[in-house]
Structures are given as C-alpha cells and as structure tokens.
N, C-alpha and C. Protein backbone atom coordinates (compact mmCIF):
# COMPACT_ATOMS: atom_id res chain seq x y z
N MET A 1 112.78 96.08 97.09
CA MET A 1 113.32 96.99 98.03
C MET A 1 114.67 97.52 97.44
N SER A 2 115.10 98.55 97.75
CA SER A 2 116.38 99.22 97.25
C SER A 2 117.21 99.60 98.30
N PHE A 3 118.46 99.38 98.34
CA PHE A 3 119.37 99.82 99.49
C PHE A 3 120.70 100.40 98.90
N SER A 4 121.03 101.26 99.66
CA SER A 4 122.54 101.83 99.13
C SER A 4 123.29 102.28 100.41
N GLN A 5 124.54 102.37 100.19
CA GLN A 5 125.54 102.77 101.00
C GLN A 5 126.32 103.97 100.33
N PRO A 6 126.85 105.00 101.11
CA PRO A 6 127.43 106.07 100.37
C PRO A 6 128.64 105.64 99.45
N ASN A 7 129.25 104.53 99.74
CA ASN A 7 130.48 104.13 98.89
C ASN A 7 130.06 102.93 97.83
N LEU A 8 128.75 102.50 97.82
CA LEU A 8 128.37 101.38 96.92
C LEU A 8 127.19 101.97 96.16
N PRO A 9 127.07 101.42 94.87
CA PRO A 9 125.92 101.83 94.06
C PRO A 9 124.66 101.10 94.62
N ARG A 10 123.52 101.84 94.37
CA ARG A 10 122.32 101.23 94.72
C ARG A 10 122.04 99.77 94.20
N GLN A 11 121.46 99.04 95.13
CA GLN A 11 121.14 97.61 94.66
C GLN A 11 119.69 97.44 95.01
N ASP A 12 119.03 96.74 94.02
CA ASP A 12 117.70 96.22 94.22
C ASP A 12 117.82 94.82 94.73
N ILE A 13 117.01 94.59 95.81
CA ILE A 13 116.99 93.28 96.54
C ILE A 13 115.50 92.70 96.33
N VAL A 14 115.43 91.57 95.74
CA VAL A 14 114.23 90.93 95.55
C VAL A 14 114.20 89.80 96.53
N VAL A 15 113.12 89.63 97.32
CA VAL A 15 112.85 88.46 98.24
C VAL A 15 111.53 88.10 97.98
N ARG A 16 111.26 86.66 98.29
CA ARG A 16 109.73 86.30 98.24
C ARG A 16 109.15 86.60 99.58
N THR A 17 107.90 87.12 99.57
CA THR A 17 107.23 87.59 100.90
C THR A 17 105.68 87.29 100.71
N THR A 18 105.08 86.96 101.87
CA THR A 18 103.68 86.96 101.84
C THR A 18 103.30 88.01 102.69
N TYR A 19 102.02 88.69 102.51
CA TYR A 19 101.31 89.56 103.23
C TYR A 19 99.99 89.12 103.50
N LEU A 20 99.43 89.43 104.72
CA LEU A 20 98.04 89.33 105.19
C LEU A 20 97.44 90.56 105.33
N ILE A 21 96.44 90.98 104.56
CA ILE A 21 96.06 92.47 104.32
C ILE A 21 94.70 92.44 104.83
N ASP A 22 94.32 93.36 105.74
CA ASP A 22 92.81 93.73 106.14
C ASP A 22 92.26 94.35 105.18
N THR A 23 91.41 94.09 104.41
CA THR A 23 90.70 94.89 103.38
C THR A 23 89.37 95.37 103.82
N GLY A 24 88.96 95.06 105.10
CA GLY A 24 87.69 95.53 105.74
C GLY A 24 87.68 97.00 106.23
N VAL A 25 88.90 97.56 106.27
CA VAL A 25 89.01 98.90 106.58
C VAL A 25 89.58 99.80 105.43
N ASP A 26 89.46 101.11 105.66
CA ASP A 26 89.80 101.99 104.56
C ASP A 26 90.76 102.86 105.18
N PRO A 27 92.03 103.18 105.01
CA PRO A 27 92.74 102.35 104.10
C PRO A 27 93.12 100.95 104.58
N PHE A 28 93.46 100.00 103.41
CA PHE A 28 93.91 98.77 103.85
C PHE A 28 94.99 98.77 104.91
N ARG A 29 95.16 97.73 105.83
CA ARG A 29 96.19 97.50 106.58
C ARG A 29 96.94 96.26 106.42
N ILE A 30 98.28 96.34 106.44
CA ILE A 30 99.05 95.19 106.56
C ILE A 30 99.09 94.48 107.94
N LEU A 31 98.57 93.40 108.10
CA LEU A 31 98.44 92.67 109.40
C LEU A 31 99.71 91.85 109.59
N VAL A 32 100.17 91.15 108.64
CA VAL A 32 101.57 90.26 108.75
C VAL A 32 102.29 90.44 107.42
N TYR A 33 103.55 90.56 107.63
CA TYR A 33 104.56 90.63 106.60
C TYR A 33 105.44 89.51 106.94
N LEU A 34 105.61 88.56 106.10
CA LEU A 34 106.45 87.22 106.14
C LEU A 34 107.30 87.12 105.04
N ALA A 35 108.82 87.37 105.50
CA ALA A 35 109.74 87.12 104.41
C ALA A 35 110.09 85.61 104.39
N HIS A 36 110.24 85.21 103.25
CA HIS A 36 110.53 83.62 103.09
C HIS A 36 112.04 83.52 102.88
N GLN A 37 112.86 84.62 103.04
CA GLN A 37 114.36 84.48 103.01
C GLN A 37 114.93 85.28 104.34
N ASP A 38 116.16 84.98 104.61
CA ASP A 38 116.71 85.87 105.57
C ASP A 38 117.25 87.09 105.01
N ILE A 39 116.38 88.15 105.17
CA ILE A 39 116.77 89.51 104.40
C ILE A 39 118.16 90.08 104.95
N MET A 40 118.24 90.04 106.28
CA MET A 40 119.54 90.55 106.86
C MET A 40 120.83 89.80 106.19
N GLY A 41 120.67 88.38 106.08
CA GLY A 41 121.62 87.57 105.47
C GLY A 41 121.86 87.98 104.06
N VAL A 42 120.89 88.16 103.23
CA VAL A 42 120.94 88.74 101.96
C VAL A 42 121.84 90.00 101.95
N LEU A 43 121.52 90.92 102.71
CA LEU A 43 122.15 92.31 102.89
C LEU A 43 123.62 92.06 103.34
N ARG A 44 124.02 91.11 104.14
CA ARG A 44 125.34 90.96 104.56
C ARG A 44 126.04 90.37 103.51
N ASN A 45 125.52 89.34 102.70
CA ASN A 45 126.12 88.82 101.57
C ASN A 45 126.54 89.81 100.48
N ARG A 46 125.78 90.74 100.38
CA ARG A 46 126.00 91.76 99.28
C ARG A 46 126.94 93.05 99.71
N GLY A 47 127.12 93.02 101.10
CA GLY A 47 128.14 93.89 101.58
C GLY A 47 127.36 95.21 101.91
N ILE A 48 125.97 95.14 101.98
CA ILE A 48 125.15 96.33 102.41
C ILE A 48 125.25 96.51 103.82
N LEU A 49 124.96 95.41 104.52
CA LEU A 49 125.13 95.33 106.12
C LEU A 49 126.31 94.79 106.68
N ALA A 50 126.83 95.34 107.64
CA ALA A 50 128.16 94.83 108.21
C ALA A 50 127.93 93.38 108.72
N SER A 51 128.92 92.63 108.71
CA SER A 51 128.78 91.15 109.28
C SER A 51 129.30 91.08 110.52
C-alpha cells in the first residue's frame, strides 16, 4: 500500500496479510482480509496518521 500527505513524500507500507478468496465465482471475491500488524499504528509511527 502507498500513502501520502500533502506535506510528506509518498511512503510504501508493507504489512503481512492473509486473504481468504472465493474462487468459485467470477470475478473472484475477497471474503476475509486479515492484517497481521496494527496498520493504523504503523501509519501513526510514520507520521501519516495523526496520533
């Protein structure tokens, strides 16, 4: 994922995730998205999200 603020350069954020995808339909559907990290915490630590 990439995030940016008007006064900061764009930053790529890499987090470990797991997806559960239904491949029995067309187009495929994402049923579950599970982040293995606190994404909001990562954004706060990088100054992208207000604390």
